[in-house]
Amino acid sequence: MDLGANEWTTFWKVTFPLILPGIFAAALPAFSLSIDDFIISQFTAGQTTTFPIFVWASIRANLPPQIHVIGTMVFFGAVGLVALSTLRERIVERRDRRIAAAETARAESRHLVAPEQ
């Protein structure tokens, strides 16, 4: 951003390539743990239908609308939390800038006023 790029360009050209290995590194254990959870549930559930088994069985036959609802709720919940966090950060940053500007203006006005004699 020192060279004139906007926030999006800076993110995609600098930040994203730096965090991409971390994203892949997190995706691999997440995938393996999910598969492991399904396999363990499949072998140990018995007559009980757990959520991973329900999803797997539904995909094999026909995907019911409940799965779409659950997936949508999880997705929008995560996006909502990120949006609220970003909004809160911007509000705090704007407030801090306003306070700093007011303090700078106050300090400059003190220097401009001549002391009384």
PDB file of N, CA and C in Angstrom:
ATOM      1  N   MET A   1       0.831  -1.185   0.000  1.00  0.00           N
ATOM      2  CA  MET A   1       0.000   0.000   0.000  1.00  0.00           C
ATOM      3  C   MET A   1       0.876   1.249   0.000  1.00  0.00           C
ATOM      4  N   ASP A   2       2.139   1.125   0.412  1.00  0.00           N
ATOM      5  CA  ASP A   2       3.049   2.263   0.361  1.00  0.00           C
ATOM      6  C   ASP A   2       3.274   2.739  -1.062  1.00  0.00           C
ATOM      7  N   LEU A   3       3.113   1.846  -2.025  1.00  0.00           N
ATOM      8  CA  LEU A   3       3.368   2.192  -3.422  1.00  0.00           C
ATOM      9  C   LEU A   3       2.104   2.573  -4.177  1.00  0.00           C
ATOM     10  N   GLY A   4       0.989   2.725  -3.475  1.00  0.00           N
ATOM     11  CA  GLY A   4      -0.229   3.217  -4.105  1.00  0.00           C
ATOM     12  C   GLY A   4      -1.283   2.177  -4.408  1.00  0.00           C
ATOM     13  N   ALA A   5      -1.097   0.929  -4.021  1.00  0.00           N
ATOM     14  CA  ALA A   5      -2.112  -0.098  -4.280  1.00  0.00           C
ATOM     15  C   ALA A   5      -3.258   0.036  -3.277  1.00  0.00           C
ATOM     16  N   ASN A   6      -4.457  -0.367  -3.706  1.00  0.00           N
ATOM     17  CA  ASN A   6      -5.588  -0.333  -2.774  1.00  0.00           C
ATOM     18  C   ASN A   6      -5.568  -1.590  -1.904  1.00  0.00           C
ATOM     19  N   GLU A   7      -6.555  -1.701  -1.015  1.00  0.00           N
ATOM     20  CA  GLU A   7      -6.579  -2.810  -0.055  1.00  0.00           C
ATOM     21  C   GLU A   7      -6.727  -4.165  -0.735  1.00  0.00           C
ATOM     22  N   TRP A   8      -7.616  -4.263  -1.747  1.00  0.00           N
ATOM     23  CA  TRP A   8      -7.848  -5.543  -2.414  1.00  0.00           C
ATOM     24  C   TRP A   8      -6.615  -6.008  -3.169  1.00  0.00           C
ATOM     25  N   THR A   9      -5.971  -5.093  -3.885  1.00  0.00           N
ATOM     26  CA  THR A   9      -4.769  -5.466  -4.629  1.00  0.00           C
ATOM     27  C   THR A   9      -3.674  -5.916  -3.673  1.00  0.00           C
ATOM     28  N   THR A  10      -3.539  -5.196  -2.569  1.00  0.00           N
ATOM     29  CA  THR A  10      -2.538  -5.580  -1.573  1.00  0.00           C
ATOM     30  C   THR A  10      -2.837  -6.961  -1.011  1.00  0.00           C
ATOM     31  N   PHE A  11      -4.113  -7.231  -0.738  1.00  0.00           N
ATOM     32  CA  PHE A  11      -4.471  -8.546  -0.196  1.00  0.00           C
ATOM     33  C   PHE A  11      -4.131  -9.655  -1.186  1.00  0.00           C
ATOM     34  N   TRP A  12      -4.578  -9.514  -2.450  1.00  0.00           N
ATOM     35  CA  TRP A  12      -4.406 -10.592  -3.421  1.00  0.00           C
ATOM     36  C   TRP A  12      -2.972 -10.747  -3.901  1.00  0.00           C
ATOM     37  N   LYS A  13      -2.195  -9.674  -3.921  1.00  0.00           N
ATOM     38  CA  LYS A  13      -0.820  -9.769  -4.429  1.00  0.00           C
ATOM     39  C   LYS A  13       0.210 -10.040  -3.339  1.00  0.00           C
ATOM     40  N   VAL A  14      -0.102  -9.687  -2.086  1.00  0.00           N
ATOM     41  CA  VAL A  14       0.885  -9.833  -1.016  1.00  0.00           C
ATOM     42  C   VAL A  14       0.394 -10.798   0.073  1.00  0.00           C
ATOM     43  N   THR A  15      -0.732 -10.466   0.684  1.00  0.00           N
ATOM     44  CA  THR A  15      -1.190 -11.217   1.851  1.00  0.00           C
ATOM     45  C   THR A  15      -1.622 -12.636   1.488  1.00  0.00           C
ATOM     46  N   PHE A  16      -2.445 -12.766   0.462  1.00  0.00           N
ATOM     47  CA  PHE A  16      -2.968 -14.093   0.112  1.00  0.00           C
ATOM     48  C   PHE A  16      -1.867 -15.094  -0.240  1.00  0.00           C
ATOM     49  N   PRO A  17      -0.873 -14.716  -1.075  1.00  0.00           N
ATOM     50  CA  PRO A  17       0.208 -15.686  -1.322  1.00  0.00           C
ATOM     51  C   PRO A  17       0.970 -16.065  -0.052  1.00  0.00           C
ATOM     52  N   LEU A  18       1.030 -15.158   0.915  1.00  0.00           N
ATOM     53  CA  LEU A  18       1.730 -15.487   2.155  1.00  0.00           C
ATOM     54  C   LEU A  18       0.941 -16.457   3.027  1.00  0.00           C
ATOM     55  N   ILE A  19      -0.391 -16.348   3.021  1.00  0.00           N
ATOM     56  CA  ILE A  19      -1.194 -17.219   3.879  1.00  0.00           C
ATOM     57  C   ILE A  19      -1.660 -18.489   3.178  1.00  0.00           C
ATOM     58  N   LEU A  20      -1.448 -18.593   1.862  1.00  0.00           N
ATOM     59  CA  LEU A  20      -1.908 -19.768   1.121  1.00  0.00           C
ATOM     60  C   LEU A  20      -1.334 -21.078   1.653  1.00  0.00           C
ATOM     61  N   PRO A  21      -0.042 -21.167   1.987  1.00  0.00           N
ATOM     62  CA  PRO A  21       0.443 -22.421   2.573  1.00  0.00           C
ATOM     63  C   PRO A  21      -0.246 -22.774   3.888  1.00  0.00           C
ATOM     64  N   GLY A  22      -0.581 -21.770   4.675  1.00  0.00           N
ATOM     65  CA  GLY A  22      -1.303 -22.027   5.920  1.00  0.00           C
ATOM     66  C   GLY A  22      -2.710 -22.535   5.672  1.00  0.00           C
ATOM     67  N   ILE A  23      -3.356 -22.010   4.633  1.00  0.00           N
ATOM     68  CA  ILE A  23      -4.701 -22.477   4.288  1.00  0.00           C
ATOM     69  C   ILE A  23      -4.656 -23.942   3.870  1.00  0.00           C
ATOM     70  N   PHE A  24      -3.693 -24.284   3.016  1.00  0.00           N
ATOM     71  CA  PHE A  24      -3.556 -25.687   2.613  1.00  0.00           C
ATOM     72  C   PHE A  24      -3.175 -26.569   3.796  1.00  0.00           C
ATOM     73  N   ALA A  25      -2.295 -26.062   4.644  1.00  0.00           N
ATOM     74  CA  ALA A  25      -1.876 -26.845   5.811  1.00  0.00           C
ATOM     75  C   ALA A  25      -3.042 -27.087   6.759  1.00  0.00           C
ATOM     76  N   ALA A  26      -3.978 -26.163   6.858  1.00  0.00           N
ATOM     77  CA  ALA A  26      -5.149 -26.359   7.715  1.00  0.00           C
ATOM     78  C   ALA A  26      -6.196 -27.236   7.027  1.00  0.00           C
ATOM     79  N   ALA A  27      -6.287 -27.161   5.699  1.00  0.00           N
ATOM     80  CA  ALA A  27      -7.299 -27.933   4.978  1.00  0.00           C
ATOM     81  C   ALA A  27      -7.006 -29.432   5.024  1.00  0.00           C
ATOM     82  N   LEU A  28      -5.747 -29.798   4.950  1.00  0.00           N
ATOM     83  CA  LEU A  28      -5.416 -31.229   4.956  1.00  0.00           C
ATOM     84  C   LEU A  28      -5.806 -31.925   6.257  1.00  0.00           C
ATOM     85  N   PRO A  29      -5.433 -31.407   7.445  1.00  0.00           N
ATOM     86  CA  PRO A  29      -5.900 -32.092   8.659  1.00  0.00           C
ATOM     87  C   PRO A  29      -7.404 -31.995   8.848  1.00  0.00           C
ATOM     88  N   ALA A  30      -8.027 -30.886   8.406  1.00  0.00           N
ATOM     89  CA  ALA A  30      -9.481 -30.778   8.538  1.00  0.00           C
ATOM     90  C   ALA A  30     -10.166 -31.872   7.717  1.00  0.00           C
ATOM     91  N   PHE A  31      -9.684 -32.083   6.504  1.00  0.00           N
ATOM     92  CA  PHE A  31     -10.259 -33.131   5.656  1.00  0.00           C
ATOM     93  C   PHE A  31     -10.024 -34.511   6.266  1.00  0.00           C
ATOM     94  N   SER A  32      -8.796 -34.761   6.712  1.00  0.00           N
ATOM     95  CA  SER A  32      -8.506 -36.096   7.259  1.00  0.00           C
ATOM     96  C   SER A  32      -9.285 -36.350   8.547  1.00  0.00           C
ATOM     97  N   LEU A  33      -9.471 -35.342   9.381  1.00  0.00           N
ATOM     98  CA  LEU A  33     -10.256 -35.532  10.601  1.00  0.00           C
ATOM     99  C   LEU A  33     -11.734 -35.759  10.280  1.00  0.00           C
ATOM    100  N   SER A  34     -12.241 -35.077   9.251  1.00  0.00           N
ATOM    101  CA  SER A  34     -13.641 -35.286   8.859  1.00  0.00           C
ATOM    102  C   SER A  34     -13.850 -36.703   8.344  1.00  0.00           C
ATOM    103  N   ILE A  35     -12.953 -37.165   7.497  1.00  0.00           N
ATOM    104  CA  ILE A  35     -13.053 -38.536   6.987  1.00  0.00           C
ATOM    105  C   ILE A  35     -12.928 -39.530   8.140  1.00  0.00           C
ATOM    106  N   ASP A  36     -12.000 -39.255   9.052  1.00  0.00           N
ATOM    107  CA  ASP A  36     -11.809 -40.139  10.206  1.00  0.00           C
ATOM    108  C   ASP A  36     -13.077 -40.192  11.053  1.00  0.00           C
ATOM    109  N   ASP A  37     -13.717 -39.048  11.257  1.00  0.00           N
ATOM    110  CA  ASP A  37     -14.956 -38.997  12.044  1.00  0.00           C
ATOM    111  C   ASP A  37     -16.044 -39.830  11.370  1.00  0.00           C
ATOM    112  N   PHE A  38     -16.148 -39.718  10.061  1.00  0.00           N
ATOM    113  CA  PHE A  38     -17.157 -40.501   9.351  1.00  0.00           C
ATOM    114  C   PHE A  38     -16.871 -41.994   9.456  1.00  0.00           C
ATOM    115  N   ILE A  39     -15.628 -42.377   9.250  1.00  0.00           N
ATOM    116  CA  ILE A  39     -15.281 -43.805   9.285  1.00  0.00           C
ATOM    117  C   ILE A  39     -15.531 -44.388  10.668  1.00  0.00           C
ATOM    118  N   ILE A  40     -15.127 -43.667  11.702  1.00  0.00           N
ATOM    119  CA  ILE A  40     -15.370 -44.153  13.067  1.00  0.00           C
ATOM    120  C   ILE A  40     -16.866 -44.258  13.341  1.00  0.00           C
ATOM    121  N   SER A  41     -17.633 -43.244  12.900  1.00  0.00           N
ATOM    122  CA  SER A  41     -19.089 -43.293  13.089  1.00  0.00           C
ATOM    123  C   SER A  41     -19.701 -44.459  12.336  1.00  0.00           C
ATOM    124  N   GLN A  42     -19.223 -44.696  11.134  1.00  0.00           N
ATOM    125  CA  GLN A  42     -19.764 -45.778  10.320  1.00  0.00           C
ATOM    126  C   GLN A  42     -19.564 -47.141  10.985  1.00  0.00           C
ATOM    127  N   PHE A  43     -18.401 -47.355  11.585  1.00  0.00           N
ATOM    128  CA  PHE A  43     -18.108 -48.662  12.172  1.00  0.00           C
ATOM    129  C   PHE A  43     -18.646 -48.825  13.587  1.00  0.00           C
ATOM    130  N   THR A  44     -18.850 -47.749  14.331  1.00  0.00           N
ATOM    131  CA  THR A  44     -19.226 -47.885  15.740  1.00  0.00           C
ATOM    132  C   THR A  44     -20.646 -47.439  16.060  1.00  0.00           C
ATOM    133  N   ALA A  45     -21.402 -46.942  15.095  1.00  0.00           N
ATOM    134  CA  ALA A  45     -22.725 -46.389  15.389  1.00  0.00           C
ATOM    135  C   ALA A  45     -23.750 -47.467  15.726  1.00  0.00           C
ATOM    136  N   GLY A  46     -23.635 -48.623  15.151  1.00  0.00           N
ATOM    137  CA  GLY A  46     -24.641 -49.659  15.387  1.00  0.00           C
ATOM    138  C   GLY A  46     -25.948 -49.279  14.724  1.00  0.00           C
ATOM    139  N   GLN A  47     -27.049 -49.283  15.510  1.00  0.00           N
ATOM    140  CA  GLN A  47     -28.357 -48.927  14.980  1.00  0.00           C
ATOM    141  C   GLN A  47     -28.622 -47.425  15.036  1.00  0.00           C
ATOM    142  N   THR A  48     -27.758 -46.697  15.705  1.00  0.00           N
ATOM    143  CA  THR A  48     -27.935 -45.250  15.844  1.00  0.00           C
ATOM    144  C   THR A  48     -27.534 -44.555  14.541  1.00  0.00           C
ATOM    145  N   THR A  49     -28.316 -43.560  14.142  1.00  0.00           N
ATOM    146  CA  THR A  49     -27.996 -42.776  12.961  1.00  0.00           C
ATOM    147  C   THR A  49     -27.387 -41.458  13.411  1.00  0.00           C
ATOM    148  N   THR A  50     -26.081 -41.330  13.246  1.00  0.00           N
ATOM    149  CA  THR A  50     -25.410 -40.077  13.592  1.00  0.00           C
ATOM    150  C   THR A  50     -25.498 -39.130  12.401  1.00  0.00           C
ATOM    151  N   PHE A  51     -25.137 -37.869  12.619  1.00  0.00           N
ATOM    152  CA  PHE A  51     -25.241 -36.882  11.547  1.00  0.00           C
ATOM    153  C   PHE A  51     -24.357 -37.222  10.345  1.00  0.00           C
ATOM    154  N   PRO A  52     -23.081 -37.601  10.531  1.00  0.00           N
ATOM    155  CA  PRO A  52     -22.286 -37.958   9.348  1.00  0.00           C
ATOM    156  C   PRO A  52     -22.874 -39.129   8.561  1.00  0.00           C
ATOM    157  N   ILE A  53     -23.425 -40.101   9.255  1.00  0.00           N
ATOM    158  CA  ILE A  53     -24.037 -41.247   8.567  1.00  0.00           C
ATOM    159  C   ILE A  53     -25.317 -40.820   7.861  1.00  0.00           C
ATOM    160  N   PHE A  54     -26.096 -39.929   8.485  1.00  0.00           N
ATOM    161  CA  PHE A  54     -27.321 -39.408   7.874  1.00  0.00           C
ATOM    162  C   PHE A  54     -26.996 -38.661   6.580  1.00  0.00           C
ATOM    163  N   VAL A  55     -25.968 -37.823   6.613  1.00  0.00           N
ATOM    164  CA  VAL A  55     -25.580 -37.069   5.420  1.00  0.00           C
ATOM    165  C   VAL A  55     -25.109 -38.021   4.332  1.00  0.00           C
ATOM    166  N   TRP A  56     -24.276 -38.990   4.693  1.00  0.00           N
ATOM    167  CA  TRP A  56     -23.761 -39.941   3.713  1.00  0.00           C
ATOM    168  C   TRP A  56     -24.892 -40.748   3.088  1.00  0.00           C
ATOM    169  N   ALA A  57     -25.810 -41.225   3.911  1.00  0.00           N
ATOM    170  CA  ALA A  57     -26.941 -42.002   3.393  1.00  0.00           C
ATOM    171  C   ALA A  57     -27.849 -41.131   2.524  1.00  0.00           C
ATOM    172  N   SER A  58     -28.008 -39.864   2.893  1.00  0.00           N
ATOM    173  CA  SER A  58     -28.856 -38.966   2.114  1.00  0.00           C
ATOM    174  C   SER A  58     -28.250 -38.671   0.752  1.00  0.00           C
ATOM    175  N   ILE A  59     -26.948 -38.526   0.710  1.00  0.00           N
ATOM    176  CA  ILE A  59     -26.284 -38.254  -0.556  1.00  0.00           C
ATOM    177  C   ILE A  59     -26.396 -39.462  -1.476  1.00  0.00           C
ATOM    178  N   ARG A  60     -26.326 -40.645  -0.916  1.00  0.00           N
ATOM    179  CA  ARG A  60     -26.439 -41.858  -1.736  1.00  0.00           C
ATOM    180  C   ARG A  60     -27.826 -41.975  -2.350  1.00  0.00           C
ATOM    181  N   ALA A  61     -28.874 -41.621  -1.603  1.00  0.00           N
ATOM    182  CA  ALA A  61     -30.238 -41.761  -2.111  1.00  0.00           C
ATOM    183  C   ALA A  61     -30.705 -40.449  -2.751  1.00  0.00           C
ATOM    184  N   ASN A  62     -31.030 -39.509  -1.919  1.00  0.00           N
ATOM    185  CA  ASN A  62     -31.504 -38.205  -2.389  1.00  0.00           C
ATOM    186  C   ASN A  62     -31.285 -37.220  -1.257  1.00  0.00           C
ATOM    187  N   LEU A  63     -30.762 -36.070  -1.544  1.00  0.00           N
ATOM    188  CA  LEU A  63     -30.415 -35.086  -0.523  1.00  0.00           C
ATOM    189  C   LEU A  63     -31.675 -34.348  -0.068  1.00  0.00           C
ATOM    190  N   PRO A  64     -32.080 -34.509   1.216  1.00  0.00           N
ATOM    191  CA  PRO A  64     -33.280 -33.822   1.691  1.00  0.00           C
ATOM    192  C   PRO A  64     -32.997 -32.333   1.923  1.00  0.00           C
ATOM    193  N   PRO A  65     -34.033 -31.527   1.972  1.00  0.00           N
ATOM    194  CA  PRO A  65     -33.851 -30.085   2.156  1.00  0.00           C
ATOM    195  C   PRO A  65     -33.229 -29.722   3.509  1.00  0.00           C
ATOM    196  N   GLN A  66     -33.356 -30.586   4.508  1.00  0.00           N
ATOM    197  CA  GLN A  66     -32.784 -30.286   5.822  1.00  0.00           C
ATOM    198  C   GLN A  66     -31.269 -30.118   5.743  1.00  0.00           C
ATOM    199  N   ILE A  67     -30.619 -30.885   4.894  1.00  0.00           N
ATOM    200  CA  ILE A  67     -29.168 -30.787   4.740  1.00  0.00           C
ATOM    201  C   ILE A  67     -28.808 -29.421   4.167  1.00  0.00           C
ATOM    202  N   HIS A  68     -29.575 -28.973   3.193  1.00  0.00           N
ATOM    203  CA  HIS A  68     -29.327 -27.650   2.623  1.00  0.00           C
ATOM    204  C   HIS A  68     -29.534 -26.558   3.668  1.00  0.00           C
ATOM    205  N   VAL A  69     -30.552 -26.723   4.485  1.00  0.00           N
ATOM    206  CA  VAL A  69     -30.826 -25.728   5.532  1.00  0.00           C
ATOM    207  C   VAL A  69     -29.682 -25.690   6.538  1.00  0.00           C
ATOM    208  N   ILE A  70     -29.222 -26.840   6.975  1.00  0.00           N
ATOM    209  CA  ILE A  70     -28.123 -26.890   7.948  1.00  0.00           C
ATOM    210  C   ILE A  70     -26.854 -26.294   7.349  1.00  0.00           C
ATOM    211  N   GLY A  71     -26.541 -26.656   6.126  1.00  0.00           N
ATOM    212  CA  GLY A  71     -25.362 -26.108   5.466  1.00  0.00           C
ATOM    213  C   GLY A  71     -25.449 -24.606   5.282  1.00  0.00           C
ATOM    214  N   THR A  72     -26.622 -24.116   4.903  1.00  0.00           N
ATOM    215  CA  THR A  72     -26.816 -22.675   4.736  1.00  0.00           C
ATOM    216  C   THR A  72     -26.678 -21.947   6.062  1.00  0.00           C
ATOM    217  N   MET A  73     -27.240 -22.515   7.115  1.00  0.00           N
ATOM    218  CA  MET A  73     -27.131 -21.874   8.431  1.00  0.00           C
ATOM    219  C   MET A  73     -25.682 -21.801   8.892  1.00  0.00           C
ATOM    220  N   VAL A  74     -24.932 -22.865   8.718  1.00  0.00           N
ATOM    221  CA  VAL A  74     -23.518 -22.870   9.117  1.00  0.00           C
ATOM    222  C   VAL A  74     -22.741 -21.848   8.287  1.00  0.00           C
ATOM    223  N   PHE A  75     -22.969 -21.827   6.982  1.00  0.00           N
ATOM    224  CA  PHE A  75     -22.264 -20.900   6.102  1.00  0.00           C
ATOM    225  C   PHE A  75     -22.562 -19.448   6.457  1.00  0.00           C
ATOM    226  N   PHE A  76     -23.852 -19.097   6.556  1.00  0.00           N
ATOM    227  CA  PHE A  76     -24.205 -17.716   6.856  1.00  0.00           C
ATOM    228  C   PHE A  76     -23.823 -17.328   8.281  1.00  0.00           C
ATOM    229  N   GLY A  77     -23.817 -18.287   9.190  1.00  0.00           N
ATOM    230  CA  GLY A  77     -23.334 -17.998  10.539  1.00  0.00           C
ATOM    231  C   GLY A  77     -21.868 -17.604  10.536  1.00  0.00           C
ATOM    232  N   ALA A  78     -21.062 -18.358   9.806  1.00  0.00           N
ATOM    233  CA  ALA A  78     -19.628 -18.044   9.721  1.00  0.00           C
ATOM    234  C   ALA A  78     -19.403 -16.718   9.003  1.00  0.00           C
ATOM    235  N   VAL A  79     -20.104 -16.500   7.890  1.00  0.00           N
ATOM    236  CA  VAL A  79     -19.954 -15.239   7.152  1.00  0.00           C
ATOM    237  C   VAL A  79     -20.431 -14.070   8.007  1.00  0.00           C
ATOM    238  N   GLY A  80     -21.507 -14.257   8.749  1.00  0.00           N
ATOM    239  CA  GLY A  80     -22.006 -13.198   9.627  1.00  0.00           C
ATOM    240  C   GLY A  80     -21.014 -12.840  10.722  1.00  0.00           C
ATOM    241  N   LEU A  81     -20.393 -13.846  11.320  1.00  0.00           N
ATOM    242  CA  LEU A  81     -19.393 -13.564  12.355  1.00  0.00           C
ATOM    243  C   LEU A  81     -18.196 -12.808  11.787  1.00  0.00           C
ATOM    244  N   VAL A  82     -17.756 -13.190  10.605  1.00  0.00           N
ATOM    245  CA  VAL A  82     -16.641 -12.475   9.971  1.00  0.00           C
ATOM    246  C   VAL A  82     -17.051 -11.043   9.636  1.00  0.00           C
ATOM    247  N   ALA A  83     -18.265 -10.862   9.115  1.00  0.00           N
ATOM    248  CA  ALA A  83     -18.738  -9.522   8.774  1.00  0.00           C
ATOM    249  C   ALA A  83     -18.859  -8.645  10.019  1.00  0.00           C
ATOM    250  N   LEU A  84     -19.393  -9.202  11.099  1.00  0.00           N
ATOM    251  CA  LEU A  84     -19.496  -8.424  12.338  1.00  0.00           C
ATOM    252  C   LEU A  84     -18.130  -8.064  12.889  1.00  0.00           C
ATOM    253  N   SER A  85     -17.198  -8.970  12.809  1.00  0.00           N
ATOM    254  CA  SER A  85     -15.849  -8.696  13.279  1.00  0.00           C
ATOM    255  C   SER A  85     -15.189  -7.592  12.448  1.00  0.00           C
ATOM    256  N   THR A  86     -15.361  -7.660  11.136  1.00  0.00           N
ATOM    257  CA  THR A  86     -14.798  -6.632  10.256  1.00  0.00           C
ATOM    258  C   THR A  86     -15.452  -5.286  10.509  1.00  0.00           C
ATOM    259  N   LEU A  87     -16.754  -5.261  10.658  1.00  0.00           N
ATOM    260  CA  LEU A  87     -17.472  -4.020  10.927  1.00  0.00           C
ATOM    261  C   LEU A  87     -17.030  -3.416  12.253  1.00  0.00           C
ATOM    262  N   ARG A  88     -16.903  -4.241  13.264  1.00  0.00           N
ATOM    263  CA  ARG A  88     -16.449  -3.754  14.568  1.00  0.00           C
ATOM    264  C   ARG A  88     -15.047  -3.171  14.479  1.00  0.00           C
ATOM    265  N   GLU A  89     -14.169  -3.844  13.744  1.00  0.00           N
ATOM    266  CA  GLU A  89     -12.792  -3.367  13.582  1.00  0.00           C
ATOM    267  C   GLU A  89     -12.762  -2.016  12.870  1.00  0.00           C
ATOM    268  N   ARG A  90     -13.579  -1.855  11.852  1.00  0.00           N
ATOM    269  CA  ARG A  90     -13.622  -0.574  11.133  1.00  0.00           C
ATOM    270  C   ARG A  90     -14.163   0.543  12.011  1.00  0.00           C
ATOM    271  N   ILE A  91     -15.170   0.235  12.815  1.00  0.00           N
ATOM    272  CA  ILE A  91     -15.731   1.254  13.703  1.00  0.00           C
ATOM    273  C   ILE A  91     -14.694   1.687  14.726  1.00  0.00           C
ATOM    274  N   VAL A  92     -13.999   0.724  15.311  1.00  0.00           N
ATOM    275  CA  VAL A  92     -12.963   1.051  16.298  1.00  0.00           C
ATOM    276  C   VAL A  92     -11.835   1.837  15.643  1.00  0.00           C
ATOM    277  N   GLU A  93     -11.428   1.444  14.443  1.00  0.00           N
ATOM    278  CA  GLU A  93     -10.355   2.148  13.736  1.00  0.00           C
ATOM    279  C   GLU A  93     -10.764   3.576  13.405  1.00  0.00           C
ATOM    280  N   ARG A  94     -11.989   3.784  12.954  1.00  0.00           N
ATOM    281  CA  ARG A  94     -12.482   5.116  12.630  1.00  0.00           C
ATOM    282  C   ARG A  94     -12.544   5.984  13.884  1.00  0.00           C
ATOM    283  N   ARG A  95     -13.002   5.397  14.995  1.00  0.00           N
ATOM    284  CA  ARG A  95     -13.057   6.143  16.251  1.00  0.00           C
ATOM    285  C   ARG A  95     -11.659   6.549  16.714  1.00  0.00           C
ATOM    286  N   ASP A  96     -10.713   5.626  16.610  1.00  0.00           N
ATOM    287  CA  ASP A  96      -9.341   5.931  17.013  1.00  0.00           C
ATOM    288  C   ASP A  96      -8.747   7.029  16.144  1.00  0.00           C
ATOM    289  N   ARG A  97      -9.027   7.005  14.831  1.00  0.00           N
ATOM    290  CA  ARG A  97      -8.533   8.066  13.950  1.00  0.00           C
ATOM    291  C   ARG A  97      -9.144   9.403  14.303  1.00  0.00           C
ATOM    292  N   ARG A  98     -10.442   9.411  14.620  1.00  0.00           N
ATOM    293  CA  ARG A  98     -11.120  10.649  14.983  1.00  0.00           C
ATOM    294  C   ARG A  98     -10.544  11.225  16.280  1.00  0.00           C
ATOM    295  N   ILE A  99     -10.281  10.353  17.248  1.00  0.00           N
ATOM    296  CA  ILE A  99      -9.709  10.797  18.514  1.00  0.00           C
ATOM    297  C   ILE A  99      -8.301  11.351  18.301  1.00  0.00           C
ATOM    298  N   ALA A 100      -7.510  10.665  17.486  1.00  0.00           N
ATOM    299  CA  ALA A 100      -6.149  11.127  17.210  1.00  0.00           C
ATOM    300  C   ALA A 100      -6.171  12.466  16.488  1.00  0.00           C
ATOM    301  N   ALA A 101      -7.096  12.649  15.543  1.00  0.00           N
ATOM    302  CA  ALA A 101      -7.196  13.923  14.830  1.00  0.00           C
ATOM    303  C   ALA A 101      -7.612  15.040  15.765  1.00  0.00           C
ATOM    304  N   ALA A 102      -8.541  14.751  16.672  1.00  0.00           N
ATOM    305  CA  ALA A 102      -8.971  15.778  17.625  1.00  0.00           C
ATOM    306  C   ALA A 102      -7.833  16.155  18.563  1.00  0.00           C
ATOM    307  N   GLU A 103      -7.059  15.179  19.008  1.00  0.00           N
ATOM    308  CA  GLU A 103      -5.924  15.474  19.888  1.00  0.00           C
ATOM    309  C   GLU A 103      -4.855  16.270  19.153  1.00  0.00           C
ATOM    310  N   THR A 104      -4.613  15.949  17.881  1.00  0.00           N
ATOM    311  CA  THR A 104      -3.645  16.696  17.086  1.00  0.00           C
ATOM    312  C   THR A 104      -4.102  18.130  16.885  1.00  0.00           C
ATOM    313  N   ALA A 105      -5.386  18.316  16.581  1.00  0.00           N
ATOM    314  CA  ALA A 105      -5.925  19.670  16.396  1.00  0.00           C
ATOM    315  C   ALA A 105      -5.846  20.456  17.695  1.00  0.00           C
ATOM    316  N   ARG A 106      -6.134  19.810  18.802  1.00  0.00           N
ATOM    317  CA  ARG A 106      -6.067  20.466  20.099  1.00  0.00           C
ATOM    318  C   ARG A 106      -4.627  20.884  20.411  1.00  0.00           C
ATOM    319  N   ALA A 107      -3.676  20.006  20.129  1.00  0.00           N
ATOM    320  CA  ALA A 107      -2.270  20.320  20.381  1.00  0.00           C
ATOM    321  C   ALA A 107      -1.791  21.449  19.480  1.00  0.00           C
ATOM    322  N   GLU A 108      -2.220  21.458  18.216  1.00  0.00           N
ATOM    323  CA  GLU A 108      -1.834  22.531  17.304  1.00  0.00           C
ATOM    324  C   GLU A 108      -2.450  23.856  17.724  1.00  0.00           C
ATOM    325  N   SER A 109      -3.677  23.835  18.204  1.00  0.00           N
ATOM    326  CA  SER A 109      -4.315  25.085  18.622  1.00  0.00           C
ATOM    327  C   SER A 109      -3.625  25.653  19.863  1.00  0.00           C
ATOM    328  N   ARG A 110      -3.081  24.830  20.704  1.00  0.00           N
ATOM    329  CA  ARG A 110      -2.342  25.317  21.880  1.00  0.00           C
ATOM    330  C   ARG A 110      -1.068  26.028  21.456  1.00  0.00           C
ATOM    331  N   HIS A 111      -0.417  25.541  20.418  1.00  0.00           N
ATOM    332  CA  HIS A 111       0.824  26.142  19.947  1.00  0.00           C
ATOM    333  C   HIS A 111       0.574  27.443  19.200  1.00  0.00           C
ATOM    334  N   LEU A 112      -0.613  27.597  18.587  1.00  0.00           N
ATOM    335  CA  LEU A 112      -0.909  28.802  17.821  1.00  0.00           C
ATOM    336  C   LEU A 112      -1.324  29.956  18.701  1.00  0.00           C
ATOM    337  N   VAL A 113      -1.907  29.668  19.844  1.00  0.00           N
ATOM    338  CA  VAL A 113      -2.366  30.723  20.735  1.00  0.00           C
ATOM    339  C   VAL A 113      -1.172  31.249  21.521  1.00  0.00           C
ATOM    340  N   ALA A 114      -0.979  32.550  21.460  1.00  0.00           N
ATOM    341  CA  ALA A 114       0.142  33.164  22.190  1.00  0.00           C
ATOM    342  C   ALA A 114      -0.187  33.203  23.666  1.00  0.00           C
ATOM    343  N   PRO A 115       0.829  33.006  24.482  1.00  0.00           N
ATOM    344  CA  PRO A 115       0.559  33.065  25.929  1.00  0.00           C
ATOM    345  C   PRO A 115       0.228  34.503  26.353  1.00  0.00           C
ATOM    346  N   GLU A 116      -0.666  34.605  27.322  1.00  0.00           N
ATOM    347  CA  GLU A 116      -1.066  35.919  27.817  1.00  0.00           C
ATOM    348  C   GLU A 116       0.060  36.565  28.595  1.00  0.00           C
ATOM    349  N   GLN A 117       0.171  37.911  28.456  1.00  0.00           N
ATOM    350  CA  GLN A 117       1.237  38.628  29.165  1.00  0.00           C
ATOM    351  C   GLN A 117       0.704  39.514  30.230  1.00  0.00           C
TER     352      GLN A 117
END
